[in-house]
Protein backbone atom coordinates (compact mmCIF):
# COMPACT_ATOMS: atom_id res chain seq x y z
CA MET A 1 -0.02 0.42 0.13
CA THR A 2 1.87 3.99 -1.22
CA ILE A 3 1.65 6.38 1.77
CA TYR A 4 -1.49 7.73 0.08
CA LYS A 5 -3.87 4.66 0.07
CA PHE A 6 -2.85 3.98 3.48
CA ILE A 7 -3.47 7.92 4.63
CA THR A 8 -6.97 7.96 2.61
CA ALA A 9 -8.07 4.37 3.76
CA ILE A 10 -7.52 5.32 7.65
CA ILE A 11 -9.10 8.42 6.96
CA ILE A 12 -12.24 7.51 5.24
CA SER A 13 -12.21 4.32 8.03
CA ALA A 14 -12.24 6.86 10.74
CA SER A 15 -15.09 8.31 9.02
CA ILE A 16 -16.18 5.15 8.73
CA ILE A 17 -16.49 4.91 12.46
CA THR A 18 -17.79 7.88 13.14
CA LEU A 19 -21.12 7.55 10.82
CA GLY A 20 -21.57 3.96 12.30
CA SER A 21 -20.83 4.60 15.48
CA CYS A 22 -24.06 4.14 17.82
CA SER A 23 -24.43 6.28 20.86
CA GLY A 24 -25.39 4.51 23.73
CA SER A 25 -28.57 6.47 24.16
CA THR A 26 -29.94 5.55 20.76
CA LYS A 27 -29.88 1.47 21.67
CA SER A 28 -31.67 -0.65 24.11
CA ALA A 29 -29.71 -2.90 26.43
CA THR A 30 -31.29 -5.56 24.70
CA GLU A 31 -30.38 -4.51 20.93
CA SER A 32 -26.55 -4.28 22.44
CA LYS A 33 -26.58 -8.02 23.54
CA GLU A 34 -28.36 -9.06 20.25
CA THR A 35 -25.13 -7.23 18.76
CA GLU A 36 -22.43 -8.74 20.23
CA GLU A 37 -24.65 -12.95 19.62
CA GLU A 38 -24.17 -12.02 15.80
CA LEU A 39 -20.73 -11.55 15.44
CA LEU A 40 -19.99 -10.59 11.44
CA PRO A 41 -16.88 -13.77 10.41
CA GLU A 42 -13.72 -12.33 10.06
CA ASP A 43 -13.46 -12.29 6.63
CA ILE A 44 -16.60 -10.12 6.02
CA VAL A 45 -17.09 -6.73 6.29
CA GLU A 46 -20.40 -4.89 6.49
CA LEU A 47 -21.84 -0.88 5.35
CA ARG A 48 -24.60 1.68 6.04
CA HIS A 49 -25.28 3.44 2.04
CA ASP A 50 -24.05 6.50 3.46
CA GLN A 51 -20.54 4.55 4.31
CA ILE A 52 -20.49 3.31 0.84
CA GLU A 53 -20.48 6.20 -0.93
CA LEU A 54 -17.73 7.78 1.51
CA SER A 55 -15.80 4.94 0.69
CA ASN A 56 -16.54 5.57 -2.96
CA ILE A 57 -16.39 1.78 -3.24
CA GLU A 58 -16.84 0.76 -7.02
CA LEU A 59 -18.02 -2.67 -8.21
CA GLY A 60 -17.09 -4.58 -11.69
CA GLN A 61 -16.57 -8.27 -12.22
CA ILE A 62 -13.55 -10.20 -13.89
CA GLU A 63 -12.43 -10.03 -17.63
CA THR A 64 -10.49 -12.67 -19.08
CA ARG A 65 -7.68 -10.33 -21.00
CA SER A 66 -4.21 -11.46 -22.86
CA LEU A 67 -1.50 -9.99 -20.76
CA SER A 68 2.51 -10.15 -21.79
CA GLY A 69 3.86 -8.77 -18.76
CA THR A 70 8.07 -9.64 -17.05
CA LEU A 71 9.34 -10.98 -14.67
CA LYS A 72 12.45 -10.06 -13.06
CA VAL A 73 14.49 -12.89 -12.60
CA SER A 74 18.87 -13.06 -11.17
CA GLY A 75 21.85 -15.05 -12.48
CA THR A 76 24.90 -15.53 -14.08
CA VAL A 77 27.05 -15.00 -17.45
CA THR A 78 28.76 -18.40 -18.44
CA THR A 79 29.52 -20.34 -21.47
CA SER A 80 28.80 -23.98 -23.00
CA PRO A 81 31.10 -26.67 -21.35
CA GLN A 82 32.30 -26.47 -25.50
CA ASN A 83 33.61 -23.40 -24.98
CA MET A 84 35.36 -24.12 -22.25
CA ALA A 85 38.76 -25.51 -22.51
CA THR A 86 41.35 -26.99 -18.95
CA VAL A 87 45.04 -27.43 -21.40
CA SER A 88 46.85 -30.21 -19.48
CA MET A 89 50.69 -32.21 -21.04
CA PRO A 90 49.71 -35.50 -20.85
CA LEU A 91 53.40 -36.22 -20.20
CA GLY A 92 54.52 -33.54 -17.98
CA GLY A 93 57.83 -31.29 -18.42
CA PHE A 94 59.97 -28.90 -17.42
CA VAL A 95 58.52 -24.98 -18.55
CA THR A 96 61.03 -23.18 -20.98
CA SER A 97 58.70 -20.91 -22.30
CA ILE A 98 55.87 -19.13 -21.78
CA TYR A 99 53.85 -17.31 -24.59
CA LEU A 100 50.81 -15.91 -22.77
CA MET A 101 48.93 -13.96 -20.57
CA PRO A 102 46.02 -14.12 -18.20
CA GLY A 103 43.88 -11.51 -20.61
CA ASN A 104 45.92 -12.27 -23.95
CA THR A 105 43.00 -13.25 -26.88
CA VAL A 106 44.53 -17.23 -28.62
CA LYS A 107 43.44 -18.76 -31.92
CA LYS A 108 42.96 -22.19 -32.05
CA GLY A 109 46.44 -24.16 -32.26
CA GLN A 110 48.12 -21.18 -30.81
CA ALA A 111 51.41 -22.72 -28.66
CA LEU A 112 50.93 -20.98 -25.20
CA ALA A 113 54.39 -22.69 -23.95
CA MET A 114 57.00 -24.63 -24.33
CA LEU A 115 57.77 -27.55 -22.37
CA GLU A 116 61.05 -30.31 -22.01
CA ASN A 117 61.40 -33.65 -21.38
CA GLN A 118 64.27 -36.84 -21.56
CA ASP A 119 60.84 -38.82 -22.48
CA PHE A 120 60.18 -36.60 -25.88
CA VAL A 121 63.20 -37.41 -26.90
CA ASP A 122 62.57 -41.34 -26.37
CA ILE A 123 59.71 -41.72 -27.32
CA GLN A 124 60.81 -39.92 -31.09
CA GLN A 125 63.85 -42.63 -31.50
CA ASN A 126 61.61 -45.25 -30.32
CA TYR A 127 59.13 -44.58 -32.97
CA LEU A 128 61.98 -44.49 -35.62
CA GLU A 129 63.84 -47.26 -34.92
CA ALA A 130 60.14 -49.58 -35.02
CA LYS A 131 59.55 -47.19 -38.12
CA ASN A 132 62.97 -48.34 -40.12
CA LYS A 133 62.28 -52.15 -38.56
CA LEU A 134 59.10 -52.34 -40.16
CA GLU A 135 60.57 -51.35 -44.37
CA TYR A 136 62.22 -53.78 -43.30
CA ALA A 137 60.14 -56.54 -41.84
CA LYS A 138 57.44 -54.52 -45.33
CA ALA A 139 60.31 -56.19 -46.93
CA GLU A 140 60.47 -59.87 -45.68
CA TYR A 141 56.87 -60.44 -45.44
CA ASN A 142 56.08 -59.68 -48.87
CA ARG A 143 59.56 -61.66 -50.20
CA HIS A 144 58.37 -64.78 -47.80
CA THR A 145 54.43 -64.41 -49.90
CA GLU A 146 56.02 -65.34 -53.11
CA LEU A 147 58.39 -67.67 -51.83
CA TYR A 148 55.29 -69.52 -49.92
CA LYS A 149 53.33 -69.38 -53.53
CA ASP A 150 56.00 -70.74 -55.19
CA ASP A 151 56.25 -74.11 -52.95
CA VAL A 152 59.64 -72.36 -52.02
CA TYR A 153 58.78 -71.57 -48.26
CA SER A 154 57.43 -73.59 -45.24
CA GLU A 155 54.19 -72.37 -43.79
CA LYS A 156 55.63 -72.13 -40.50
CA ASN A 157 58.19 -69.69 -41.30
CA LEU A 158 55.63 -67.51 -42.97
CA GLN A 159 53.68 -66.85 -40.22
CA GLN A 160 56.72 -66.31 -38.64
CA VAL A 161 57.24 -63.67 -40.51
CA THR A 162 54.41 -62.02 -41.19
CA SER A 163 53.61 -61.88 -36.83
CA ASP A 164 56.52 -59.66 -36.66
CA TYR A 165 55.61 -57.78 -39.40
CA LYS A 166 52.00 -57.23 -37.24
CA ASN A 167 54.32 -56.49 -34.59
CA LEU A 168 56.03 -53.96 -35.45
CA LYS A 169 53.26 -52.22 -37.66
CA THR A 170 51.02 -52.10 -34.32
CA GLN A 171 54.34 -50.80 -32.59
CA VAL A 172 54.43 -47.36 -34.43
CA ASN A 173 50.74 -46.92 -34.89
CA ALA A 174 51.00 -46.85 -31.26
CA LEU A 175 53.85 -44.97 -31.00
CA GLU A 176 52.60 -41.89 -33.86
CA GLN A 177 49.48 -41.67 -31.30
CA LYS A 178 52.07 -40.78 -28.22
CA LEU A 179 53.60 -38.51 -30.61
CA ALA A 180 49.75 -37.18 -32.07
CA LEU A 181 49.40 -36.32 -28.63
CA ILE A 182 52.40 -34.26 -27.27
CA GLY A 183 52.08 -32.91 -30.83
CA ILE A 184 54.88 -33.73 -32.32
CA ASN A 185 53.69 -34.10 -35.90
CA VAL A 186 55.57 -37.54 -37.33
CA SER A 187 55.38 -36.87 -41.38
CA ASN A 188 57.72 -33.91 -40.50
CA LEU A 189 59.61 -36.28 -38.03
CA HIS A 190 62.90 -37.99 -39.00
CA GLU A 191 66.11 -38.46 -38.03
CA ASP A 192 67.62 -35.51 -38.16
CA ASN A 193 65.46 -33.25 -36.26
CA ILE A 194 64.51 -35.01 -33.44
CA SER A 195 63.74 -32.40 -29.59
CA ARG A 196 63.74 -32.48 -26.83
CA SER A 197 60.84 -29.71 -26.89
CA VAL A 198 57.82 -30.06 -27.61
CA ALA A 199 55.03 -26.98 -27.74
CA VAL A 200 51.14 -26.83 -25.30
CA VAL A 201 48.62 -25.57 -27.91
CA SER A 202 45.36 -23.72 -27.38
CA PRO A 203 42.05 -26.39 -27.97
CA ILE A 204 39.98 -23.63 -28.79
CA SER A 205 39.58 -19.90 -29.72
CA GLY A 206 39.30 -17.59 -26.85
CA TYR A 207 40.90 -15.31 -24.32
CA VAL A 208 43.25 -16.61 -21.38
CA LYS A 209 41.94 -17.29 -18.47
CA THR A 210 44.65 -17.71 -16.27
CA VAL A 211 48.30 -19.32 -16.40
CA ASN A 212 49.15 -21.41 -13.26
CA ILE A 213 52.50 -22.26 -14.67
CA ASN A 214 56.00 -19.40 -14.52
CA ILE A 215 60.13 -20.88 -16.07
CA GLY A 216 61.71 -23.19 -14.77
CA LYS A 217 58.61 -25.25 -13.50
CA PHE A 218 58.07 -29.31 -13.71
CA VAL A 219 54.26 -29.48 -14.88
CA ALA A 220 52.71 -33.54 -14.24
CA PRO A 221 50.29 -34.35 -16.59
CA SER A 222 47.44 -33.82 -14.34
CA ASP A 223 47.96 -30.59 -13.68
CA VAL A 224 46.55 -27.20 -14.95
CA LEU A 225 48.86 -25.11 -17.57
CA PHE A 226 45.74 -22.84 -19.00
CA GLU A 227 42.48 -21.81 -18.93
CA ILE A 228 41.10 -20.62 -21.75
CA ILE A 229 37.34 -19.63 -22.20
CA ASN A 230 35.76 -18.38 -25.86
CA SER A 231 33.05 -14.95 -24.87
CA ASP A 232 31.47 -14.97 -28.56
CA GLN A 233 29.29 -17.67 -27.69
CA LEU A 234 27.54 -16.74 -24.06
CA LEU A 235 25.29 -18.14 -22.29
CA LEU A 236 23.27 -16.97 -18.56
CA GLU A 237 22.02 -19.02 -16.36
CA LEU A 238 19.36 -16.83 -14.23
CA THR A 239 17.31 -18.49 -11.25
CA LEU A 240 13.55 -18.50 -11.18
CA PHE A 241 10.91 -18.73 -7.87
CA GLU A 242 9.18 -22.09 -8.30
CA LYS A 243 5.55 -20.63 -7.97
CA ASP A 244 7.54 -18.87 -11.43
CA ALA A 245 8.23 -22.10 -13.80
CA ASN A 246 5.95 -21.95 -15.53
CA LYS A 247 6.06 -18.43 -16.45
CA ALA A 248 9.42 -18.95 -18.23
CA SER A 249 9.39 -21.61 -21.93
CA ILE A 250 11.58 -22.45 -25.10
CA GLY A 251 12.47 -18.73 -27.56
CA GLN A 252 11.14 -16.11 -24.51
CA LYS A 253 13.06 -12.96 -24.78
CA ILE A 254 15.17 -11.54 -22.15
CA ARG A 255 17.40 -8.10 -21.35
CA PHE A 256 19.68 -8.23 -18.84
CA PHE A 257 22.14 -6.06 -17.58
CA ILE A 258 25.06 -6.20 -15.40
CA ASN A 259 27.60 -3.51 -12.56
CA ASN A 260 24.66 -1.81 -12.18
CA GLU A 261 24.78 -0.71 -15.76
CA SER A 262 21.69 0.83 -17.66
CA GLU A 263 23.19 0.08 -21.55
CA GLN A 264 20.83 -3.53 -21.75
CA HIS A 265 22.09 -6.51 -23.71
CA ASN A 266 19.80 -9.23 -24.75
CA ALA A 267 19.20 -12.65 -25.05
CA VAL A 268 17.01 -15.57 -25.70
CA ILE A 269 15.84 -18.90 -23.83
CA TYR A 270 16.51 -21.78 -24.82
CA GLN A 271 17.01 -24.55 -22.31
CA THR A 272 13.99 -24.26 -19.21
CA GLY A 273 15.62 -26.87 -15.96
CA LYS A 274 13.41 -30.72 -15.77
CA SER A 275 13.77 -30.29 -11.44
CA VAL A 276 13.72 -28.43 -9.02
CA ASP A 277 16.60 -27.66 -6.29
CA THR A 278 16.18 -28.04 -2.39
CA ASP A 279 16.03 -24.41 -1.87
CA ARG A 280 13.23 -24.47 -4.21
CA THR A 281 14.58 -22.39 -7.46
CA TYR A 282 14.39 -24.05 -11.12
CA LYS A 283 17.36 -23.27 -13.92
CA VAL A 284 16.26 -21.54 -17.48
CA TYR A 285 19.55 -20.90 -19.32
CA ALA A 286 19.71 -18.72 -21.99
CA SER A 287 21.22 -17.50 -25.65
CA VAL A 288 23.63 -14.06 -25.44
CA THR A 289 22.29 -12.67 -28.52
CA ASP A 290 24.09 -9.85 -28.92
CA LEU A 291 28.51 -9.32 -29.02
CA CYS A 292 29.17 -7.66 -25.98
CA LYS A 293 32.35 -7.27 -24.96
CA ASN A 294 31.91 -5.81 -21.76
CA VAL A 295 30.11 -9.09 -20.32
CA LEU A 296 32.28 -11.81 -19.01
CA PRO A 297 31.64 -14.97 -17.57
CA GLY A 298 31.04 -15.07 -14.10
CA MET A 299 29.30 -11.73 -14.00
CA TYR A 300 26.15 -10.30 -11.74
CA VAL A 301 23.01 -9.60 -13.88
CA ASN A 302 19.93 -9.08 -13.38
CA ALA A 303 17.01 -9.90 -15.83
CA ILE A 304 13.66 -8.98 -16.97
CA ILE A 305 11.84 -11.93 -19.16
CA GLU A 306 9.26 -11.23 -21.51
CA THR A 307 6.00 -13.33 -20.47
CA SER A 308 3.93 -14.88 -23.29
CA GLY A 309 0.60 -13.18 -23.89
CA ASN A 310 -2.05 -15.36 -22.67
CA GLU A 311 -5.60 -15.60 -21.76
CA VAL A 312 -5.99 -14.83 -18.47
CA ALA A 313 -8.98 -13.78 -15.73
CA THR A 314 -8.07 -10.03 -15.07
CA LEU A 315 -8.71 -7.18 -12.40
CA PRO A 316 -8.10 -3.66 -12.17
CA SER A 317 -4.64 -3.04 -10.02
CA GLU A 318 -6.32 -1.63 -7.52
CA ALA A 319 -8.77 -4.25 -7.11
CA ILE A 320 -5.61 -6.19 -5.13
CA VAL A 321 -5.31 -5.05 -1.54
CA SER A 322 -2.63 -6.84 0.33
CA PHE A 323 -2.36 -7.86 4.09
CA GLU A 324 0.14 -9.50 6.41
CA GLU A 325 2.09 -10.65 2.75
CA LYS A 326 -0.96 -11.95 0.88
CA ASP A 327 -3.14 -10.83 -1.85
CA PHE A 328 -6.87 -9.83 -1.26
CA ILE A 329 -9.93 -9.08 -3.07
CA PHE A 330 -12.81 -7.92 -1.99
CA ILE A 331 -16.18 -9.29 -3.31
CA PHE A 332 -19.86 -8.10 -2.95
CA ASN A 333 -21.55 -10.66 -1.12
CA LYS A 334 -25.55 -9.48 -0.24
CA ASN A 335 -27.69 -6.70 0.80
CA LYS A 336 -29.31 -7.08 3.92
CA GLU A 337 -31.42 -5.08 6.91
CA GLU A 338 -31.04 -5.40 10.39
CA ALA A 339 -33.46 -2.58 12.27
CA GLY A 340 -34.59 -1.18 9.66
CA GLN A 341 -31.32 -0.19 8.44
CA PRO A 342 -30.20 -1.28 4.77
CA PHE A 343 -26.26 -3.13 4.94
CA THR A 344 -24.40 -3.45 1.86
CA GLU A 345 -22.03 -7.36 3.36
CA TYR A 346 -18.50 -7.92 1.12
CA GLN A 347 -16.27 -11.46 1.33
CA MET A 348 -12.49 -11.06 1.64
CA ILE A 349 -11.25 -13.14 -0.93
CA GLU A 350 -7.17 -15.15 -0.93
CA ILE A 351 -5.95 -14.80 -4.52
CA GLN A 352 -2.33 -14.44 -5.77
CA LYS A 353 -1.45 -12.34 -8.35
CA GLY A 354 -0.07 -13.08 -11.49
CA VAL A 355 1.47 -11.28 -14.69
CA SER A 356 0.44 -6.82 -14.66
CA GLU A 357 0.72 -5.19 -17.37
CA ASN A 358 -1.82 -1.15 -18.51
CA GLY A 359 -3.08 -0.68 -15.20
CA PHE A 360 -4.44 -4.34 -14.87
CA THR A 361 -3.68 -7.49 -13.00
CA GLU A 362 -3.68 -11.80 -13.04
CA VAL A 363 -5.61 -13.41 -10.40
CA ILE A 364 -5.05 -16.65 -9.60
CA LEU A 365 -8.75 -17.66 -8.01
CA PRO A 366 -9.33 -20.29 -4.68
CA GLU A 367 -10.12 -23.23 -6.87
CA GLY A 368 -13.69 -23.92 -7.78
CA PHE A 369 -14.69 -20.57 -7.51
CA ASN A 370 -17.32 -18.91 -10.36
CA ILE A 371 -16.81 -16.50 -11.00
CA THR A 372 -19.51 -15.98 -13.46
CA GLY A 373 -21.84 -13.36 -11.72
CA VAL A 374 -19.58 -12.26 -9.20
CA LYS A 375 -19.45 -8.67 -8.48
CA VAL A 376 -16.36 -7.64 -7.52
CA VAL A 377 -15.22 -4.54 -5.77
CA VAL A 378 -12.54 -2.50 -7.89
CA LYS A 379 -11.80 0.76 -6.64
CA GLY A 380 -12.22 1.42 -2.19
CA ALA A 381 -10.78 -1.68 -1.87
CA TYR A 382 -7.98 -0.47 0.44
CA ASN A 383 -11.37 1.58 2.24
CA LEU A 384 -12.58 -1.81 2.73
CA LEU A 385 -9.83 -3.50 4.10
CA SER A 386 -9.63 -0.81 6.32
CA ALA A 387 -12.58 -0.97 7.50
CA MET A 388 -12.85 -4.71 8.48
CA LYS A 389 -8.99 -4.26 10.66
CA ASN A 390 -11.42 -2.16 12.20
CA ALA A 391 -14.88 -4.22 12.68
CA GLY A 392 -14.97 -3.28 15.81
CA GLU A 393 -15.57 -0.20 15.76
CA MET A 394 -17.50 -0.23 13.76
CA ALA A 395 -20.53 -2.56 14.34
CA CYS A 396 -24.15 -1.26 15.15
């Protein structure tokens, strides 16, 4: 309730109380006793005709409208696993050079650092030796195959030569894979260019987030040397309350802001969560549609989800009152007469608010509530609420 509404309600309530108060000189003891016995239910408030006019009470109906409101949420900027890379060296080694620092941009395949390891030399040596033996074994295999066809060579000797050839072929292929694992191209490797150093290269394009090495440090295969992030395709991870889960769907547009800036950024929901967390929240994921240089992974965002238009039950926003963290409306209950005096009864109904747009708000009514023919207080609802809370002083 705004301060204005609160003060107005107090003034009107005081006037209603004044008009409705009953003088002891005009009531008999019997009438006072009957009034005490006929107490109104807690959700009912009654007013005389003059009190209704003073409270500016107006009635209306619940209408069905198409509302496309907004939902305010918060979250963080992130990126997909495909756009994040942790760089390690499968065989480890000593760091001899570092080419990039945190914040530097990097392209896929670009060298990040150089490592040295005696194992690099051994693998290259073993590969070249096995490759030479394979060439000889292949020639022997071809020769013995031809001799066997001419019945010059025994089947047993051919089987032995074939086994040696296949074993060497397997060994060479395995060593090729090891060399590829540490970044050595076997097509360029020969006896004259064996190297003790190997370059650590970036598996993706992006920027360097962290560097965990220094010159001379020995790194193990499990050590993380660099972290690379591609910020060209950023995502938002937004947190919604459980009650708002049905208000977000794939394809909805999002406006978001970072660091309390006024600059607006845009995103589109591409995935909604499939479960509710233990804290009764719900995750929604969105793709950032604009290239935003000042938006980086890890940043906190405030976002506005543009909810889609639906045909919902609505009332003017001023018809809804809030009390003790709950929302209510008042409906016309009945006209009646007491002691020759006409009264009108209004009943307070608890509801839930949905989206709001252009002065109207979605109302979620109690289960089984029939809106047909129901007259709702669309003006003066806060005056009724104030009168209800002072019901004891309004008794006549």
